[in-house]
Amino acid sequence: MSAFLALSRRELLLLWRQRGEPLIALAFFLLAALVFAFGAGPDAALLQRIAPGVLWASALFAVVLSLERLFESDHAEGALDQLALSPISLPMVVAAKVLVHWLGSGFLLLLAAPLVALAYGLPWALWPTLLLTLLLGTPSLSLIGAVVAATALGARRGGVLIPLLALPLMLPVLILGVTAADAAAAGLADGAHLLLLGAALLFALPLSLVAAPAALRQALEAG
């Protein structure tokens, strides 16, 4: 646990030094959502209907935008090789990086989501469900993204490869998040969709901690 906390502290310090990158993802999220609002026009009913899908799509693209920095800088500087040779296990390294990546992407988007909800005129009663879908879904996006970023590490044109690999894998999370919000808007029970989002998170966690370290070892051996 002390090693995990030390790694998380290191990642937080790096995130603070490069705080422009999380702010870029946050700005992209807000701008993308607002552009859709302007494009849809002044129809309040239409805006409320498309709001969950727009919010989730904007969040997904914002998370994908920040994936390239997850392992690339450490790999380029040789820090990843040192971490692999240290007594600290690679799954612990991945866990710390995913946690801090979520804090710098998904958590920030969660805090900014009420601004989007206000812009689309969503009823207050829908806010808890919408925010809960983001709270459950965005960690899954970071976990899936870690596997993709590790797989693309060292590849030529990795910045192009990451979105191509990540978007299809993340679509089920987006669909679950949107359908939960739509069910709440229609006055239907949203518990099943939220449980599925939680199940997706529980599935993505061990998968990421197994697949991402394996991909990192392969990239380090190839390098």
C-alpha atoms as a PDB file:
ATOM      1  CA  MET A   1       0.000   0.000   0.000  1.00  0.00           C
ATOM      2  CA  SER A   2       2.853   2.392   0.787  1.00  0.00           C
ATOM      3  CA  ALA A   3       4.359   1.710  -2.638  1.00  0.00           C
ATOM      4  CA  PHE A   4       0.993   2.388  -4.292  1.00  0.00           C
ATOM      5  CA  LEU A   5       0.606   5.651  -2.391  1.00  0.00           C
ATOM      6  CA  ALA A   6       4.148   6.695  -3.354  1.00  0.00           C
ATOM      7  CA  LEU A   7       3.450   5.925  -7.008  1.00  0.00           C
ATOM      8  CA  SER A   8       0.149   7.793  -6.880  1.00  0.00           C
ATOM      9  CA  ARG A   9       1.873  10.794  -5.291  1.00  0.00           C
ATOM     10  CA  ARG A  10       4.491  10.751  -8.057  1.00  0.00           C
ATOM     11  CA  GLU A  11       1.790  10.631 -10.732  1.00  0.00           C
ATOM     12  CA  LEU A  12      -0.126  13.451  -9.059  1.00  0.00           C
ATOM     13  CA  LEU A  13       2.999  15.617  -9.034  1.00  0.00           C
ATOM     14  CA  LEU A  14       3.555  14.902 -12.729  1.00  0.00           C
ATOM     15  CA  LEU A  15      -0.081  15.710 -13.413  1.00  0.00           C
ATOM     16  CA  TRP A  16       0.281  19.002 -11.561  1.00  0.00           C
ATOM     17  CA  ARG A  17       3.387  19.931 -13.561  1.00  0.00           C
ATOM     18  CA  GLN A  18       1.565  19.123 -16.802  1.00  0.00           C
ATOM     19  CA  ARG A  19      -1.779  20.506 -15.681  1.00  0.00           C
ATOM     20  CA  GLY A  20      -2.329  22.069 -19.085  1.00  0.00           C
ATOM     21  CA  GLU A  21      -3.149  18.630 -20.515  1.00  0.00           C
ATOM     22  CA  PRO A  22      -6.096  17.888 -18.170  1.00  0.00           C
ATOM     23  CA  LEU A  23      -7.343  21.413 -18.795  1.00  0.00           C
ATOM     24  CA  ILE A  24      -7.238  20.784 -22.545  1.00  0.00           C
ATOM     25  CA  ALA A  25      -9.368  17.649 -22.115  1.00  0.00           C
ATOM     26  CA  LEU A  26     -11.789  19.588 -19.902  1.00  0.00           C
ATOM     27  CA  ALA A  27     -11.998  22.448 -22.412  1.00  0.00           C
ATOM     28  CA  PHE A  28     -12.601  19.955 -25.225  1.00  0.00           C
ATOM     29  CA  PHE A  29     -15.438  18.367 -23.234  1.00  0.00           C
ATOM     30  CA  LEU A  30     -17.174  21.688 -22.599  1.00  0.00           C
ATOM     31  CA  LEU A  31     -16.647  23.056 -26.100  1.00  0.00           C
ATOM     32  CA  ALA A  32     -17.838  19.864 -27.812  1.00  0.00           C
ATOM     33  CA  ALA A  33     -20.985  19.765 -25.685  1.00  0.00           C
ATOM     34  CA  LEU A  34     -21.718  23.454 -26.286  1.00  0.00           C
ATOM     35  CA  VAL A  35     -21.149  23.159 -30.045  1.00  0.00           C
ATOM     36  CA  PHE A  36     -23.785  20.414 -30.173  1.00  0.00           C
ATOM     37  CA  ALA A  37     -26.152  22.675 -28.217  1.00  0.00           C
ATOM     38  CA  PHE A  38     -25.693  25.533 -30.681  1.00  0.00           C
ATOM     39  CA  GLY A  39     -26.061  23.150 -33.613  1.00  0.00           C
ATOM     40  CA  ALA A  40     -29.305  21.661 -32.301  1.00  0.00           C
ATOM     41  CA  GLY A  41     -30.974  25.067 -32.089  1.00  0.00           C
ATOM     42  CA  PRO A  42     -33.266  26.603 -29.466  1.00  0.00           C
ATOM     43  CA  ASP A  43     -35.746  23.694 -29.223  1.00  0.00           C
ATOM     44  CA  ALA A  44     -35.731  22.973 -25.460  1.00  0.00           C
ATOM     45  CA  ALA A  45     -37.378  19.547 -25.807  1.00  0.00           C
ATOM     46  CA  LEU A  46     -34.789  18.467 -28.398  1.00  0.00           C
ATOM     47  CA  LEU A  47     -31.907  19.704 -26.258  1.00  0.00           C
ATOM     48  CA  GLN A  48     -33.143  17.768 -23.241  1.00  0.00           C
ATOM     49  CA  ARG A  49     -33.590  14.638 -25.337  1.00  0.00           C
ATOM     50  CA  ILE A  50     -30.075  14.648 -26.821  1.00  0.00           C
ATOM     51  CA  ALA A  51     -28.280  15.914 -23.697  1.00  0.00           C
ATOM     52  CA  PRO A  52     -27.251  12.521 -22.202  1.00  0.00           C
ATOM     53  CA  GLY A  53     -25.874  11.279 -25.516  1.00  0.00           C
ATOM     54  CA  VAL A  54     -23.984  14.497 -26.198  1.00  0.00           C
ATOM     55  CA  LEU A  55     -22.557  14.628 -22.692  1.00  0.00           C
ATOM     56  CA  TRP A  56     -21.389  11.023 -22.797  1.00  0.00           C
ATOM     57  CA  ALA A  57     -19.954  11.292 -26.319  1.00  0.00           C
ATOM     58  CA  SER A  58     -18.064  14.447 -25.359  1.00  0.00           C
ATOM     59  CA  ALA A  59     -16.748  12.744 -22.211  1.00  0.00           C
ATOM     60  CA  LEU A  60     -15.628   9.695 -24.157  1.00  0.00           C
ATOM     61  CA  PHE A  61     -13.689  11.750 -26.712  1.00  0.00           C
ATOM     62  CA  ALA A  62     -12.152  13.892 -23.956  1.00  0.00           C
ATOM     63  CA  VAL A  63     -10.888  10.783 -22.148  1.00  0.00           C
ATOM     64  CA  VAL A  64      -9.486   9.311 -25.366  1.00  0.00           C
ATOM     65  CA  LEU A  65      -7.751  12.617 -26.055  1.00  0.00           C
ATOM     66  CA  SER A  66      -5.742  12.247 -22.837  1.00  0.00           C
ATOM     67  CA  LEU A  67      -4.734   8.584 -23.230  1.00  0.00           C
ATOM     68  CA  GLU A  68      -1.531   9.093 -25.202  1.00  0.00           C
ATOM     69  CA  ARG A  69       0.219  10.689 -22.211  1.00  0.00           C
ATOM     70  CA  LEU A  70      -0.604   7.750 -19.909  1.00  0.00           C
ATOM     71  CA  PHE A  71       2.610   5.767 -20.528  1.00  0.00           C
ATOM     72  CA  GLU A  72       4.370   7.544 -23.396  1.00  0.00           C
ATOM     73  CA  SER A  73       6.365  10.125 -21.422  1.00  0.00           C
ATOM     74  CA  ASP A  74       7.678   7.573 -18.919  1.00  0.00           C
ATOM     75  CA  HIS A  75       8.583   5.253 -21.772  1.00  0.00           C
ATOM     76  CA  ALA A  76      10.444   7.965 -23.674  1.00  0.00           C
ATOM     77  CA  GLU A  77      12.391   9.057 -20.570  1.00  0.00           C
ATOM     78  CA  GLY A  78      13.268   5.509 -19.481  1.00  0.00           C
ATOM     79  CA  ALA A  79      11.301   5.782 -16.238  1.00  0.00           C
ATOM     80  CA  LEU A  80       9.076   2.898 -17.274  1.00  0.00           C
ATOM     81  CA  ASP A  81      12.106   0.617 -17.636  1.00  0.00           C
ATOM     82  CA  GLN A  82      13.224   1.569 -14.118  1.00  0.00           C
ATOM     83  CA  LEU A  83       9.778   0.875 -12.722  1.00  0.00           C
ATOM     84  CA  ALA A  84       9.721  -2.521 -14.437  1.00  0.00           C
ATOM     85  CA  LEU A  85      13.096  -3.427 -12.879  1.00  0.00           C
ATOM     86  CA  SER A  86      12.094  -2.206  -9.419  1.00  0.00           C
ATOM     87  CA  PRO A  87      10.442  -4.420  -6.776  1.00  0.00           C
ATOM     88  CA  ILE A  88       7.136  -2.635  -7.481  1.00  0.00           C
ATOM     89  CA  SER A  89       4.834  -4.779  -9.591  1.00  0.00           C
ATOM     90  CA  LEU A  90       3.646  -3.495 -12.960  1.00  0.00           C
ATOM     91  CA  PRO A  91      -0.040  -3.994 -12.040  1.00  0.00           C
ATOM     92  CA  MET A  92       0.518  -1.568  -9.153  1.00  0.00           C
ATOM     93  CA  VAL A  93       2.133   0.906 -11.548  1.00  0.00           C
ATOM     94  CA  VAL A  94      -0.848   0.594 -13.892  1.00  0.00           C
ATOM     95  CA  ALA A  95      -3.306   1.017 -11.005  1.00  0.00           C
ATOM     96  CA  ALA A  96      -1.614   4.218  -9.835  1.00  0.00           C
ATOM     97  CA  LYS A  97      -1.483   5.633 -13.349  1.00  0.00           C
ATOM     98  CA  VAL A  98      -5.136   4.795 -14.026  1.00  0.00           C
ATOM     99  CA  LEU A  99      -6.236   6.388 -10.744  1.00  0.00           C
ATOM    100  CA  VAL A 100      -4.417   9.637 -11.460  1.00  0.00           C
ATOM    101  CA  HIS A 101      -5.505   9.590 -15.097  1.00  0.00           C
ATOM    102  CA  TRP A 102      -9.129   9.367 -13.938  1.00  0.00           C
ATOM    103  CA  LEU A 103      -8.597  12.232 -11.492  1.00  0.00           C
ATOM    104  CA  GLY A 104      -7.219  14.335 -14.340  1.00  0.00           C
ATOM    105  CA  SER A 105      -9.925  13.395 -16.830  1.00  0.00           C
ATOM    106  CA  GLY A 106     -13.072  11.600 -15.650  1.00  0.00           C
ATOM    107  CA  PHE A 107     -13.269  13.335 -12.278  1.00  0.00           C
ATOM    108  CA  LEU A 108     -12.841  16.769 -13.859  1.00  0.00           C
ATOM    109  CA  LEU A 109     -15.539  15.948 -16.405  1.00  0.00           C
ATOM    110  CA  LEU A 110     -17.811  14.843 -13.580  1.00  0.00           C
ATOM    111  CA  LEU A 111     -17.340  18.230 -11.905  1.00  0.00           C
ATOM    112  CA  ALA A 112     -18.021  20.070 -15.177  1.00  0.00           C
ATOM    113  CA  ALA A 113     -21.078  17.992 -16.130  1.00  0.00           C
ATOM    114  CA  PRO A 114     -23.543  20.249 -14.242  1.00  0.00           C
ATOM    115  CA  LEU A 115     -22.545  23.135 -16.529  1.00  0.00           C
ATOM    116  CA  VAL A 116     -23.517  21.039 -19.540  1.00  0.00           C
ATOM    117  CA  ALA A 117     -26.744  19.975 -17.845  1.00  0.00           C
ATOM    118  CA  LEU A 118     -27.597  23.639 -17.273  1.00  0.00           C
ATOM    119  CA  ALA A 119     -26.799  24.528 -20.877  1.00  0.00           C
ATOM    120  CA  TYR A 120     -29.191  21.823 -22.108  1.00  0.00           C
ATOM    121  CA  GLY A 121     -31.892  22.702 -19.587  1.00  0.00           C
ATOM    122  CA  LEU A 122     -32.006  19.247 -18.023  1.00  0.00           C
ATOM    123  CA  PRO A 123     -34.467  18.931 -15.128  1.00  0.00           C
ATOM    124  CA  TRP A 124     -32.876  18.800 -11.691  1.00  0.00           C
ATOM    125  CA  ALA A 125     -34.415  15.373 -11.090  1.00  0.00           C
ATOM    126  CA  LEU A 126     -32.193  13.868 -13.823  1.00  0.00           C
ATOM    127  CA  TRP A 127     -28.926  15.244 -12.466  1.00  0.00           C
ATOM    128  CA  PRO A 128     -28.277  12.507  -9.858  1.00  0.00           C
ATOM    129  CA  THR A 129     -28.690   9.714 -12.423  1.00  0.00           C
ATOM    130  CA  LEU A 130     -26.565  11.502 -14.999  1.00  0.00           C
ATOM    131  CA  LEU A 131     -23.764  12.202 -12.537  1.00  0.00           C
ATOM    132  CA  LEU A 132     -23.926   8.656 -11.182  1.00  0.00           C
ATOM    133  CA  THR A 133     -23.527   7.225 -14.682  1.00  0.00           C
ATOM    134  CA  LEU A 134     -20.386   9.332 -15.122  1.00  0.00           C
ATOM    135  CA  LEU A 135     -19.081   8.327 -11.695  1.00  0.00           C
ATOM    136  CA  LEU A 136     -19.478   4.645 -12.558  1.00  0.00           C
ATOM    137  CA  GLY A 137     -18.603   4.854 -16.242  1.00  0.00           C
ATOM    138  CA  THR A 138     -15.596   7.147 -16.535  1.00  0.00           C
ATOM    139  CA  PRO A 139     -13.301   4.895 -14.405  1.00  0.00           C
ATOM    140  CA  SER A 140     -14.103   2.093 -16.857  1.00  0.00           C
ATOM    141  CA  LEU A 141     -13.025   4.373 -19.712  1.00  0.00           C
ATOM    142  CA  SER A 142      -9.686   5.007 -17.989  1.00  0.00           C
ATOM    143  CA  LEU A 143      -9.179   1.291 -17.320  1.00  0.00           C
ATOM    144  CA  ILE A 144      -9.967   0.323 -20.904  1.00  0.00           C
ATOM    145  CA  GLY A 145      -7.815   3.201 -22.122  1.00  0.00           C
ATOM    146  CA  ALA A 146      -4.857   1.947 -20.082  1.00  0.00           C
ATOM    147  CA  VAL A 147      -4.955  -1.377 -21.941  1.00  0.00           C
ATOM    148  CA  VAL A 148      -5.146   0.393 -25.290  1.00  0.00           C
ATOM    149  CA  ALA A 149      -2.381   2.887 -24.424  1.00  0.00           C
ATOM    150  CA  ALA A 150      -0.104   0.073 -23.253  1.00  0.00           C
ATOM    151  CA  THR A 151      -0.839  -1.940 -26.406  1.00  0.00           C
ATOM    152  CA  ALA A 152      -0.029   1.023 -28.661  1.00  0.00           C
ATOM    153  CA  LEU A 153       3.109   1.973 -26.697  1.00  0.00           C
ATOM    154  CA  GLY A 154       6.113   2.229 -28.971  1.00  0.00           C
ATOM    155  CA  ALA A 155       4.019   1.742 -32.102  1.00  0.00           C
ATOM    156  CA  ARG A 156       4.480   4.053 -35.021  1.00  0.00           C
ATOM    157  CA  ARG A 157       1.688   6.628 -35.202  1.00  0.00           C
ATOM    158  CA  GLY A 158       0.459   5.515 -31.790  1.00  0.00           C
ATOM    159  CA  GLY A 159      -1.496   8.745 -31.423  1.00  0.00           C
ATOM    160  CA  VAL A 160      -3.680   7.672 -34.344  1.00  0.00           C
ATOM    161  CA  LEU A 161      -3.850   4.031 -33.277  1.00  0.00           C
ATOM    162  CA  ILE A 162      -5.129   4.710 -29.756  1.00  0.00           C
ATOM    163  CA  PRO A 163      -8.511   6.265 -30.759  1.00  0.00           C
ATOM    164  CA  LEU A 164      -9.071   3.575 -33.387  1.00  0.00           C
ATOM    165  CA  LEU A 165      -8.618   0.842 -30.767  1.00  0.00           C
ATOM    166  CA  ALA A 166     -10.222   2.607 -27.811  1.00  0.00           C
ATOM    167  CA  LEU A 167     -13.488   3.900 -29.267  1.00  0.00           C
ATOM    168  CA  PRO A 168     -15.045   0.514 -30.189  1.00  0.00           C
ATOM    169  CA  LEU A 169     -14.103  -0.934 -26.790  1.00  0.00           C
ATOM    170  CA  MET A 170     -15.588   2.039 -24.929  1.00  0.00           C
ATOM    171  CA  LEU A 171     -18.888   2.156 -26.835  1.00  0.00           C
ATOM    172  CA  PRO A 172     -20.675  -0.333 -24.506  1.00  0.00           C
ATOM    173  CA  VAL A 173     -19.944   1.928 -21.524  1.00  0.00           C
ATOM    174  CA  LEU A 174     -21.293   4.933 -23.426  1.00  0.00           C
ATOM    175  CA  ILE A 175     -24.447   3.019 -24.404  1.00  0.00           C
ATOM    176  CA  LEU A 176     -25.096   1.934 -20.819  1.00  0.00           C
ATOM    177  CA  GLY A 177     -24.581   5.472 -19.534  1.00  0.00           C
ATOM    178  CA  VAL A 178     -26.926   7.013 -22.097  1.00  0.00           C
ATOM    179  CA  THR A 179     -29.655   4.377 -21.688  1.00  0.00           C
ATOM    180  CA  ALA A 180     -29.607   4.829 -17.891  1.00  0.00           C
ATOM    181  CA  ALA A 181     -30.119   8.588 -18.279  1.00  0.00           C
ATOM    182  CA  ASP A 182     -32.793   8.058 -20.943  1.00  0.00           C
ATOM    183  CA  ALA A 183     -34.641   5.614 -18.688  1.00  0.00           C
ATOM    184  CA  ALA A 184     -34.632   8.138 -15.847  1.00  0.00           C
ATOM    185  CA  ALA A 185     -35.881  10.867 -18.207  1.00  0.00           C
ATOM    186  CA  ALA A 186     -38.762   8.620 -19.315  1.00  0.00           C
ATOM    187  CA  GLY A 187     -39.729   7.920 -15.717  1.00  0.00           C
ATOM    188  CA  LEU A 188     -38.559   4.300 -15.914  1.00  0.00           C
ATOM    189  CA  ALA A 189     -36.385   2.399 -13.462  1.00  0.00           C
ATOM    190  CA  ASP A 190     -32.699   3.024 -14.143  1.00  0.00           C
ATOM    191  CA  GLY A 191     -31.318   0.635 -11.518  1.00  0.00           C
ATOM    192  CA  ALA A 192     -30.595  -2.187 -13.974  1.00  0.00           C
ATOM    193  CA  HIS A 193     -28.532   0.091 -16.228  1.00  0.00           C
ATOM    194  CA  LEU A 194     -26.585   1.450 -13.259  1.00  0.00           C
ATOM    195  CA  LEU A 195     -25.912  -2.082 -12.042  1.00  0.00           C
ATOM    196  CA  LEU A 196     -24.607  -2.972 -15.495  1.00  0.00           C
ATOM    197  CA  LEU A 197     -22.320   0.062 -15.405  1.00  0.00           C
ATOM    198  CA  GLY A 198     -21.038  -1.091 -12.020  1.00  0.00           C
ATOM    199  CA  ALA A 199     -20.545  -4.606 -13.392  1.00  0.00           C
ATOM    200  CA  ALA A 200     -18.611  -3.186 -16.349  1.00  0.00           C
ATOM    201  CA  LEU A 201     -16.326  -1.369 -13.908  1.00  0.00           C
ATOM    202  CA  LEU A 202     -15.768  -4.540 -11.865  1.00  0.00           C
ATOM    203  CA  PHE A 203     -14.952  -6.403 -15.092  1.00  0.00           C
ATOM    204  CA  ALA A 204     -12.651  -3.709 -16.468  1.00  0.00           C
ATOM    205  CA  LEU A 205     -10.601  -3.419 -13.254  1.00  0.00           C
ATOM    206  CA  PRO A 206      -9.008  -6.905 -13.170  1.00  0.00           C
ATOM    207  CA  LEU A 207      -8.838  -7.022 -16.964  1.00  0.00           C
ATOM    208  CA  SER A 208      -6.844  -3.792 -17.035  1.00  0.00           C
ATOM    209  CA  LEU A 209      -4.500  -4.880 -14.242  1.00  0.00           C
ATOM    210  CA  VAL A 210      -3.690  -8.072 -16.167  1.00  0.00           C
ATOM    211  CA  ALA A 211      -3.733  -6.975 -19.809  1.00  0.00           C
ATOM    212  CA  ALA A 212      -2.032  -3.565 -19.477  1.00  0.00           C
ATOM    213  CA  PRO A 213       1.066  -4.884 -17.588  1.00  0.00           C
ATOM    214  CA  ALA A 214       1.388  -7.708 -20.137  1.00  0.00           C
ATOM    215  CA  ALA A 215       1.293  -5.178 -22.982  1.00  0.00           C
ATOM    216  CA  LEU A 216       3.829  -2.974 -21.176  1.00  0.00           C
ATOM    217  CA  ARG A 217       6.254  -5.894 -20.758  1.00  0.00           C
ATOM    218  CA  GLN A 218       5.962  -6.684 -24.456  1.00  0.00           C
ATOM    219  CA  ALA A 219       6.584  -3.050 -25.411  1.00  0.00           C
ATOM    220  CA  LEU A 220       9.625  -2.840 -23.108  1.00  0.00           C
ATOM    221  CA  GLU A 221      11.082  -6.072 -24.475  1.00  0.00           C
ATOM    222  CA  ALA A 222      10.524  -4.892 -28.054  1.00  0.00           C
ATOM    223  CA  GLY A 223      12.161  -1.554 -27.249  1.00  0.00           C
END
